Amino acid sequence: FAWYKGLDIGGAVRVSQIQLLMPFFTFAFSIYLLGETLDLLTIIFSIAIILLIYLSRKMVITKK
């Protein structure tokens, strides 16, 4: 159960941000397997979400 080990190593707050990338993997596989189309709006929002995930991972988290 690699997911739980990753949560233990990296902390739940940081590692759980990875889940936000799962829709992108799903969309990429749907393009490849199902022939879905990729439009400009999807690309713009994908870049925005990835940027927000990156910025949230750079934030300093203090333990109380």
N, C-alpha and C. Protein backbone atom coordinates (compact mmCIF):
# COMPACT_ATOMS: atom_id res chain seq x y z
N PHE A 1 0.82 -1.18 0.00
CA PHE A 1 0.00 0.00 0.00
C PHE A 1 0.87 1.25 0.00
N ALA A 2 1.36 1.54 -1.17
CA ALA A 2 2.31 2.64 -1.34
C ALA A 2 1.70 3.99 -0.99
N TRP A 3 0.39 4.14 -1.23
CA TRP A 3 -0.25 5.43 -0.94
C TRP A 3 -0.13 5.78 0.54
N TYR A 4 -0.41 4.83 1.40
CA TYR A 4 -0.35 5.08 2.85
C TYR A 4 1.08 5.30 3.32
N LYS A 5 2.02 4.60 2.72
CA LYS A 5 3.43 4.82 3.06
C LYS A 5 3.85 6.22 2.63
N GLY A 6 3.40 6.66 1.46
CA GLY A 6 3.69 8.02 1.01
C GLY A 6 3.09 9.07 1.92
N LEU A 7 1.87 8.82 2.41
CA LEU A 7 1.25 9.74 3.36
C LEU A 7 2.06 9.82 4.65
N ASP A 8 2.58 8.67 5.07
CA ASP A 8 3.39 8.63 6.29
C ASP A 8 4.70 9.39 6.11
N ILE A 9 5.33 9.22 4.98
CA ILE A 9 6.62 9.86 4.74
C ILE A 9 6.48 11.36 4.50
N GLY A 10 5.56 11.75 3.61
CA GLY A 10 5.47 13.14 3.20
C GLY A 10 4.47 13.97 3.97
N GLY A 11 3.62 13.34 4.75
CA GLY A 11 2.59 14.08 5.47
C GLY A 11 1.32 14.16 4.63
N ALA A 12 0.20 14.03 5.28
CA ALA A 12 -1.08 13.98 4.58
C ALA A 12 -1.38 15.26 3.82
N VAL A 13 -1.02 16.40 4.37
CA VAL A 13 -1.35 17.67 3.73
C VAL A 13 -0.62 17.81 2.39
N ARG A 14 0.64 17.47 2.37
CA ARG A 14 1.42 17.62 1.13
C ARG A 14 1.10 16.54 0.11
N VAL A 15 1.05 15.31 0.54
CA VAL A 15 0.87 14.20 -0.39
C VAL A 15 -0.54 14.18 -0.98
N SER A 16 -1.52 14.60 -0.21
CA SER A 16 -2.89 14.57 -0.72
C SER A 16 -3.09 15.53 -1.89
N GLN A 17 -2.20 16.51 -2.06
CA GLN A 17 -2.29 17.41 -3.20
C GLN A 17 -2.07 16.68 -4.52
N ILE A 18 -1.39 15.54 -4.47
CA ILE A 18 -1.15 14.74 -5.66
C ILE A 18 -2.47 14.27 -6.26
N GLN A 19 -3.47 14.04 -5.42
CA GLN A 19 -4.77 13.59 -5.90
C GLN A 19 -5.39 14.57 -6.88
N LEU A 20 -5.03 15.83 -6.78
CA LEU A 20 -5.58 16.83 -7.68
C LEU A 20 -5.10 16.63 -9.12
N LEU A 21 -4.05 15.85 -9.31
CA LEU A 21 -3.54 15.58 -10.65
C LEU A 21 -4.24 14.40 -11.32
N MET A 22 -4.98 13.61 -10.59
CA MET A 22 -5.61 12.41 -11.15
C MET A 22 -6.55 12.71 -12.32
N PRO A 23 -7.35 13.78 -12.29
CA PRO A 23 -8.19 14.06 -13.46
C PRO A 23 -7.38 14.30 -14.74
N PHE A 24 -6.17 14.84 -14.60
CA PHE A 24 -5.34 15.06 -15.78
C PHE A 24 -4.87 13.75 -16.38
N PHE A 25 -4.51 12.80 -15.52
CA PHE A 25 -4.13 11.49 -16.02
C PHE A 25 -5.32 10.82 -16.69
N THR A 26 -6.50 10.95 -16.11
CA THR A 26 -7.70 10.38 -16.70
C THR A 26 -7.98 10.99 -18.06
N PHE A 27 -7.85 12.32 -18.15
CA PHE A 27 -8.10 12.99 -19.42
C PHE A 27 -7.06 12.58 -20.47
N ALA A 28 -5.81 12.46 -20.05
CA ALA A 28 -4.76 12.04 -20.99
C ALA A 28 -5.04 10.64 -21.53
N PHE A 29 -5.45 9.73 -20.66
CA PHE A 29 -5.78 8.39 -21.12
C PHE A 29 -7.02 8.38 -22.01
N SER A 30 -7.98 9.26 -21.74
CA SER A 30 -9.18 9.32 -22.58
C SER A 30 -8.85 9.86 -23.97
N ILE A 31 -7.87 10.75 -24.05
CA ILE A 31 -7.42 11.23 -25.37
C ILE A 31 -6.78 10.08 -26.14
N TYR A 32 -5.93 9.35 -25.45
CA TYR A 32 -5.20 8.26 -26.09
C TYR A 32 -6.10 7.07 -26.43
N LEU A 33 -6.92 6.65 -25.47
CA LEU A 33 -7.70 5.43 -25.65
C LEU A 33 -9.04 5.65 -26.34
N LEU A 34 -9.69 6.78 -26.06
CA LEU A 34 -11.04 7.01 -26.58
C LEU A 34 -11.12 8.04 -27.69
N GLY A 35 -10.00 8.69 -27.97
CA GLY A 35 -9.99 9.68 -29.04
C GLY A 35 -10.66 10.99 -28.68
N GLU A 36 -10.71 11.34 -27.39
CA GLU A 36 -11.29 12.61 -26.97
C GLU A 36 -10.47 13.77 -27.55
N THR A 37 -11.11 14.93 -27.68
CA THR A 37 -10.41 16.10 -28.21
C THR A 37 -9.94 17.00 -27.08
N LEU A 38 -8.89 17.71 -27.35
CA LEU A 38 -8.29 18.63 -26.38
C LEU A 38 -8.50 20.05 -26.89
N ASP A 39 -9.23 20.88 -26.13
CA ASP A 39 -9.47 22.25 -26.58
C ASP A 39 -8.67 23.24 -25.74
N LEU A 40 -8.66 24.49 -26.17
CA LEU A 40 -7.85 25.52 -25.53
C LEU A 40 -8.28 25.78 -24.09
N LEU A 41 -9.56 25.77 -23.82
CA LEU A 41 -10.06 26.03 -22.47
C LEU A 41 -9.57 24.96 -21.49
N THR A 42 -9.56 23.73 -21.92
CA THR A 42 -9.06 22.65 -21.07
C THR A 42 -7.58 22.83 -20.77
N ILE A 43 -6.83 23.23 -21.75
CA ILE A 43 -5.39 23.46 -21.55
C ILE A 43 -5.16 24.61 -20.58
N ILE A 44 -5.90 25.70 -20.73
CA ILE A 44 -5.74 26.86 -19.84
C ILE A 44 -6.04 26.50 -18.40
N PHE A 45 -7.17 25.83 -18.16
CA PHE A 45 -7.52 25.46 -16.79
C PHE A 45 -6.57 24.40 -16.23
N SER A 46 -6.09 23.52 -17.07
CA SER A 46 -5.12 22.51 -16.61
C SER A 46 -3.84 23.17 -16.13
N ILE A 47 -3.35 24.13 -16.89
CA ILE A 47 -2.14 24.85 -16.50
C ILE A 47 -2.38 25.61 -15.20
N ALA A 48 -3.54 26.25 -15.07
CA ALA A 48 -3.85 27.00 -13.85
C ALA A 48 -3.89 26.08 -12.63
N ILE A 49 -4.50 24.93 -12.76
CA ILE A 49 -4.60 24.00 -11.63
C ILE A 49 -3.23 23.44 -11.26
N ILE A 50 -2.44 23.08 -12.26
CA ILE A 50 -1.10 22.57 -11.99
C ILE A 50 -0.25 23.64 -11.31
N LEU A 51 -0.38 24.89 -11.73
CA LEU A 51 0.34 25.98 -11.09
C LEU A 51 -0.08 26.15 -9.63
N LEU A 52 -1.37 26.06 -9.36
CA LEU A 52 -1.84 26.17 -7.98
C LEU A 52 -1.36 25.01 -7.12
N ILE A 53 -1.33 23.82 -7.68
CA ILE A 53 -0.80 22.67 -6.94
C ILE A 53 0.67 22.89 -6.63
N TYR A 54 1.42 23.37 -7.61
CA TYR A 54 2.85 23.64 -7.40
C TYR A 54 3.04 24.67 -6.29
N LEU A 55 2.28 25.75 -6.34
CA LEU A 55 2.41 26.80 -5.33
C LEU A 55 2.01 26.30 -3.94
N SER A 56 0.98 25.46 -3.88
CA SER A 56 0.56 24.95 -2.57
C SER A 56 1.60 24.02 -1.98
N ARG A 57 2.33 23.31 -2.81
CA ARG A 57 3.38 22.42 -2.31
C ARG A 57 4.60 23.20 -1.84
N LYS A 58 4.79 24.42 -2.32
CA LYS A 58 5.92 25.24 -1.91
C LYS A 58 5.65 25.97 -0.59
N MET A 59 4.40 26.00 -0.16
CA MET A 59 4.06 26.71 1.07
C MET A 59 4.68 26.01 2.27
N VAL A 60 5.08 26.80 3.24
CA VAL A 60 5.65 26.26 4.46
C VAL A 60 4.52 25.88 5.40
N ILE A 61 4.55 24.64 5.88
CA ILE A 61 3.53 24.15 6.80
C ILE A 61 4.18 23.95 8.15
N THR A 62 3.65 24.61 9.15
CA THR A 62 4.20 24.48 10.50
C THR A 62 3.32 23.56 11.32
N LYS A 63 3.95 22.74 12.14
CA LYS A 63 3.21 21.85 13.03
C LYS A 63 3.02 22.56 14.35
N LYS A 64 1.84 22.39 14.92
CA LYS A 64 1.54 23.01 16.21
C LYS A 64 1.72 22.03 17.33
